C-alpha cells in the first residue's frame, strides 16, 4: 500500500475511535456502557501507532 493511503486510513481510523470515545464519556451520553471497550480500542490504537512510528 502506498504511504499516502496508509496515512489516510490510519488518521481515519484514529479519528473514528477518538470520536467514539468522546461520545461514550461525555456528560449525558446514551451509550455510556460502551466507554470501556472504546477506551481499550483507543489505547490499543495508540500503541499500534507508536510501534508503527518506531518501525518506519
PDB file of N, CA and C in Angstrom:
ATOM      1  N   UNK A   1       0.843  -1.172   0.000  1.00  0.00           N
ATOM      2  CA  UNK A   1       0.000   0.000   0.000  1.00  0.00           C
ATOM      3  C   UNK A   1       0.892   1.239   0.000  1.00  0.00           C
ATOM      4  N   UNK A   2       0.489   2.254  -0.741  1.00  0.00           N
ATOM      5  CA  UNK A   2       1.276   3.481  -0.787  1.00  0.00           C
ATOM      6  C   UNK A   2       1.249   4.191   0.566  1.00  0.00           C
ATOM      7  N   UNK A   3       2.322   4.903   0.904  1.00  0.00           N
ATOM      8  CA  UNK A   3       2.367   5.574   2.211  1.00  0.00           C
ATOM      9  C   UNK A   3       1.235   6.593   2.406  1.00  0.00           C
ATOM     10  N   UNK A   4       0.805   7.258   1.325  1.00  0.00           N
ATOM     11  CA  UNK A   4      -0.261   8.247   1.450  1.00  0.00           C
ATOM     12  C   UNK A   4      -1.583   7.574   1.857  1.00  0.00           C
ATOM     13  N   UNK A   5      -1.865   6.439   1.235  1.00  0.00           N
ATOM     14  CA  UNK A   5      -3.098   5.719   1.572  1.00  0.00           C
ATOM     15  C   UNK A   5      -3.042   5.163   2.985  1.00  0.00           C
ATOM     16  N   UNK A   6      -1.899   4.650   3.375  1.00  0.00           N
ATOM     17  CA  UNK A   6      -1.746   4.115   4.731  1.00  0.00           C
ATOM     18  C   UNK A   6      -1.967   5.219   5.757  1.00  0.00           C
ATOM     19  N   UNK A   7      -1.381   6.378   5.517  1.00  0.00           N
ATOM     20  CA  UNK A   7      -1.563   7.505   6.425  1.00  0.00           C
ATOM     21  C   UNK A   7      -3.009   7.955   6.496  1.00  0.00           C
ATOM     22  N   UNK A   8      -3.683   7.975   5.343  1.00  0.00           N
ATOM     23  CA  UNK A   8      -5.093   8.365   5.307  1.00  0.00           C
ATOM     24  C   UNK A   8      -5.937   7.424   6.157  1.00  0.00           C
ATOM     25  N   UNK A   9      -5.740   6.127   5.999  1.00  0.00           N
ATOM     26  CA  UNK A   9      -6.546   5.166   6.753  1.00  0.00           C
ATOM     27  C   UNK A   9      -6.211   5.195   8.236  1.00  0.00           C
ATOM     28  N   UNK A  10      -4.952   5.405   8.581  1.00  0.00           N
ATOM     29  CA  UNK A  10      -4.591   5.499   9.998  1.00  0.00           C
ATOM     30  C   UNK A  10      -5.260   6.700  10.656  1.00  0.00           C
ATOM     31  N   UNK A  11      -5.246   7.837   9.963  1.00  0.00           N
ATOM     32  CA  UNK A  11      -5.880   9.036  10.514  1.00  0.00           C
ATOM     33  C   UNK A  11      -7.393   8.856  10.593  1.00  0.00           C
ATOM     34  N   UNK A  12      -7.987   8.228   9.586  1.00  0.00           N
ATOM     35  CA  UNK A  12      -9.427   7.997   9.594  1.00  0.00           C
ATOM     36  C   UNK A  12      -9.844   7.087  10.741  1.00  0.00           C
ATOM     37  N   UNK A  13      -9.133   5.991  10.918  1.00  0.00           N
ATOM     38  CA  UNK A  13      -9.469   5.053  11.996  1.00  0.00           C
ATOM     39  C   UNK A  13      -9.225   5.697  13.359  1.00  0.00           C
ATOM     40  N   UNK A  14      -8.115   6.419  13.502  1.00  0.00           N
ATOM     41  CA  UNK A  14      -7.828   7.075  14.777  1.00  0.00           C
ATOM     42  C   UNK A  14      -8.901   8.113  15.105  1.00  0.00           C
ATOM     43  N   UNK A  15      -9.327   8.877  14.128  1.00  0.00           N
ATOM     44  CA  UNK A  15     -10.378   9.868  14.346  1.00  0.00           C
ATOM     45  C   UNK A  15     -11.699   9.234  14.721  1.00  0.00           C
ATOM     46  N   UNK A  16     -12.036   8.136  14.083  1.00  0.00           N
ATOM     47  CA  UNK A  16     -13.281   7.438  14.384  1.00  0.00           C
ATOM     48  C   UNK A  16     -13.284   6.887  15.806  1.00  0.00           C
ATOM     49  N   UNK A  17     -12.190   6.277  16.208  1.00  0.00           N
ATOM     50  CA  UNK A  17     -12.107   5.734  17.572  1.00  0.00           C
ATOM     51  C   UNK A  17     -12.144   6.864  18.599  1.00  0.00           C
ATOM     52  N   UNK A  18     -11.457   7.960  18.311  1.00  0.00           N
ATOM     53  CA  UNK A  18     -11.460   9.092  19.235  1.00  0.00           C
ATOM     54  C   UNK A  18     -12.856   9.699  19.362  1.00  0.00           C
ATOM     55  N   UNK A  19     -13.585   9.809  18.262  1.00  0.00           N
ATOM     56  CA  UNK A  19     -14.962  10.318  18.314  1.00  0.00           C
ATOM     57  C   UNK A  19     -15.867   9.367  19.095  1.00  0.00           C
ATOM     58  N   UNK A  20     -15.700   8.077  18.900  1.00  0.00           N
ATOM     59  CA  UNK A  20     -16.486   7.107  19.660  1.00  0.00           C
ATOM     60  C   UNK A  20     -16.201   7.193  21.148  1.00  0.00           C
ATOM     61  N   UNK A  21     -14.940   7.404  21.486  1.00  0.00           N
ATOM     62  CA  UNK A  21     -14.568   7.540  22.891  1.00  0.00           C
ATOM     63  C   UNK A  21     -15.219   8.779  23.487  1.00  0.00           C
ATOM     64  N   UNK A  22     -15.148   9.902  22.764  1.00  0.00           N
ATOM     65  CA  UNK A  22     -15.729  11.143  23.268  1.00  0.00           C
ATOM     66  C   UNK A  22     -17.243  11.011  23.410  1.00  0.00           C
ATOM     67  N   UNK A  23     -17.903  10.392  22.444  1.00  0.00           N
ATOM     68  CA  UNK A  23     -19.351  10.247  22.516  1.00  0.00           C
ATOM     69  C   UNK A  23     -19.783   9.317  23.651  1.00  0.00           C
ATOM     70  N   UNK A  24     -18.908   8.411  24.074  1.00  0.00           N
ATOM     71  CA  UNK A  24     -19.294   7.493  25.138  1.00  0.00           C
ATOM     72  C   UNK A  24     -18.987   8.035  26.532  1.00  0.00           C
ATOM     73  N   UNK A  25     -18.105   9.022  26.672  1.00  0.00           N
ATOM     74  CA  UNK A  25     -17.783   9.530  28.015  1.00  0.00           C
ATOM     75  C   UNK A  25     -18.354  10.903  28.294  1.00  0.00           C
ATOM     76  N   UNK A  26     -18.896  11.566  27.299  1.00  0.00           N
ATOM     77  CA  UNK A  26     -19.396  12.922  27.520  1.00  0.00           C
ATOM     78  C   UNK A  26     -20.577  12.896  28.485  1.00  0.00           C
ATOM     79  N   UNK A  27     -20.822  14.005  29.159  1.00  0.00           N
ATOM     80  CA  UNK A  27     -21.961  14.060  30.083  1.00  0.00           C
ATOM     81  C   UNK A  27     -23.276  13.851  29.331  1.00  0.00           C
ATOM     82  N   UNK A  28     -24.135  13.035  29.869  1.00  0.00           N
ATOM     83  CA  UNK A  28     -25.422  12.776  29.252  1.00  0.00           C
ATOM     84  C   UNK A  28     -25.369  11.802  28.092  1.00  0.00           C
ATOM     85  N   UNK A  29     -24.313  11.023  27.989  1.00  0.00           N
ATOM     86  CA  UNK A  29     -24.175  10.081  26.873  1.00  0.00           C
ATOM     87  C   UNK A  29     -25.166   8.931  27.026  1.00  0.00           C
ATOM     88  N   UNK A  30     -25.788   8.550  25.916  1.00  0.00           N
ATOM     89  CA  UNK A  30     -26.737   7.434  25.972  1.00  0.00           C
ATOM     90  C   UNK A  30     -26.029   6.090  25.823  1.00  0.00           C
ATOM     91  N   UNK A  31     -24.801   6.093  25.324  1.00  0.00           N
ATOM     92  CA  UNK A  31     -24.031   4.853  25.131  1.00  0.00           C
ATOM     93  C   UNK A  31     -22.940   4.734  26.186  1.00  0.00           C
ATOM     94  N   UNK A  32     -23.270   4.995  27.432  1.00  0.00           N
ATOM     95  CA  UNK A  32     -22.254   5.033  28.472  1.00  0.00           C
ATOM     96  C   UNK A  32     -21.591   3.679  28.706  1.00  0.00           C
ATOM     97  N   UNK A  33     -22.283   2.572  28.491  1.00  0.00           N
ATOM     98  CA  UNK A  33     -21.681   1.257  28.719  1.00  0.00           C
ATOM     99  C   UNK A  33     -20.746   0.839  27.590  1.00  0.00           C
ATOM    100  N   UNK A  34     -20.518   1.711  26.618  1.00  0.00           N
ATOM    101  CA  UNK A  34     -19.586   1.429  25.535  1.00  0.00           C
ATOM    102  C   UNK A  34     -18.216   2.052  25.835  1.00  0.00           C
ATOM    103  N   UNK A  35     -18.126   2.829  26.902  1.00  0.00           N
ATOM    104  CA  UNK A  35     -16.903   3.578  27.198  1.00  0.00           C
ATOM    105  C   UNK A  35     -15.697   2.670  27.417  1.00  0.00           C
ATOM    106  N   UNK A  36     -15.847   1.567  28.113  1.00  0.00           N
ATOM    107  CA  UNK A  36     -14.707   0.692  28.397  1.00  0.00           C
ATOM    108  C   UNK A  36     -14.140   0.046  27.137  1.00  0.00           C
ATOM    109  N   UNK A  37     -14.961  -0.568  26.267  1.00  0.00           N
ATOM    110  CA  UNK A  37     -14.381  -1.136  25.046  1.00  0.00           C
ATOM    111  C   UNK A  37     -13.757  -0.088  24.130  1.00  0.00           C
ATOM    112  N   UNK A  38     -14.374   1.080  24.050  1.00  0.00           N
ATOM    113  CA  UNK A  38     -13.827   2.127  23.181  1.00  0.00           C
ATOM    114  C   UNK A  38     -12.525   2.656  23.763  1.00  0.00           C
ATOM    115  N   UNK A  39     -12.439   2.789  25.077  1.00  0.00           N
ATOM    116  CA  UNK A  39     -11.192   3.222  25.708  1.00  0.00           C
ATOM    117  C   UNK A  39     -10.084   2.195  25.461  1.00  0.00           C
ATOM    118  N   UNK A  40     -10.435   0.907  25.533  1.00  0.00           N
ATOM    119  CA  UNK A  40      -9.457  -0.137  25.237  1.00  0.00           C
ATOM    120  C   UNK A  40      -8.981  -0.030  23.785  1.00  0.00           C
ATOM    121  N   UNK A  41      -9.909   0.184  22.859  1.00  0.00           N
ATOM    122  CA  UNK A  41      -9.522   0.338  21.446  1.00  0.00           C
ATOM    123  C   UNK A  41      -8.633   1.552  21.246  1.00  0.00           C
ATOM    124  N   UNK A  42      -8.901   2.635  21.963  1.00  0.00           N
ATOM    125  CA  UNK A  42      -8.084   3.839  21.848  1.00  0.00           C
ATOM    126  C   UNK A  42      -6.663   3.591  22.347  1.00  0.00           C
ATOM    127  N   UNK A  43      -6.526   2.879  23.455  1.00  0.00           N
ATOM    128  CA  UNK A  43      -5.197   2.542  23.979  1.00  0.00           C
ATOM    129  C   UNK A  43      -4.474   1.604  23.019  1.00  0.00           C
ATOM    130  N   UNK A  44      -5.185   0.620  22.493  1.00  0.00           N
ATOM    131  CA  UNK A  44      -4.600  -0.307  21.528  1.00  0.00           C
ATOM    132  C   UNK A  44      -4.161   0.414  20.263  1.00  0.00           C
ATOM    133  N   UNK A  45      -4.991   1.313  19.770  1.00  0.00           N
ATOM    134  CA  UNK A  45      -4.658   2.064  18.561  1.00  0.00           C
ATOM    135  C   UNK A  45      -3.437   2.949  18.778  1.00  0.00           C
ATOM    136  N   UNK A  46      -3.363   3.621  19.914  1.00  0.00           N
ATOM    137  CA  UNK A  46      -2.204   4.470  20.168  1.00  0.00           C
ATOM    138  C   UNK A  46      -0.930   3.647  20.308  1.00  0.00           C
ATOM    139  N   UNK A  47      -1.044   2.454  20.894  1.00  0.00           N
ATOM    140  CA  UNK A  47       0.125   1.565  20.986  1.00  0.00           C
ATOM    141  C   UNK A  47       0.583   1.096  19.611  1.00  0.00           C
ATOM    142  N   UNK A  48      -0.368   0.715  18.769  1.00  0.00           N
ATOM    143  CA  UNK A  48      -0.012   0.275  17.421  1.00  0.00           C
ATOM    144  C   UNK A  48       0.579   1.411  16.593  1.00  0.00           C
ATOM    145  N   UNK A  49       0.048   2.618  16.736  1.00  0.00           N
ATOM    146  CA  UNK A  49       0.613   3.755  16.001  1.00  0.00           C
ATOM    147  C   UNK A  49       2.022   4.062  16.482  1.00  0.00           C
ATOM    148  N   UNK A  50       2.279   3.906  17.794  1.00  0.00           N
ATOM    149  CA  UNK A  50       3.629   4.139  18.318  1.00  0.00           C
ATOM    150  C   UNK A  50       4.598   3.093  17.758  1.00  0.00           C
ATOM    151  N   UNK A  51       4.160   1.835  17.691  1.00  0.00           N
ATOM    152  CA  UNK A  51       5.009   0.783  17.129  1.00  0.00           C
ATOM    153  C   UNK A  51       5.275   1.058  15.645  1.00  0.00           C
ATOM    154  N   UNK A  52       4.245   1.488  14.925  1.00  0.00           N
ATOM    155  CA  UNK A  52       4.408   1.805  13.512  1.00  0.00           C
ATOM    156  C   UNK A  52       5.371   2.964  13.305  1.00  0.00           C
ATOM    157  N   UNK A  53       5.293   3.959  14.162  1.00  0.00           N
ATOM    158  CA  UNK A  53       6.185   5.107  14.062  1.00  0.00           C
ATOM    159  C   UNK A  53       7.639   4.703  14.304  1.00  0.00           C
ATOM    160  N   UNK A  54       7.863   3.871  15.283  1.00  0.00           N
ATOM    161  CA  UNK A  54       9.226   3.429  15.603  1.00  0.00           C
ATOM    162  C   UNK A  54       9.789   2.535  14.500  1.00  0.00           C
ATOM    163  N   UNK A  55       8.933   1.704  13.903  1.00  0.00           N
ATOM    164  CA  UNK A  55       9.419   0.746  12.905  1.00  0.00           C
ATOM    165  C   UNK A  55       9.653   1.355  11.526  1.00  0.00           C
ATOM    166  N   UNK A  56       9.150   2.547  11.259  1.00  0.00           N
ATOM    167  CA  UNK A  56       9.322   3.160   9.936  1.00  0.00           C
ATOM    168  C   UNK A  56      10.598   3.873   9.831  1.00  0.00           C
TER     169      UNK A  56
END
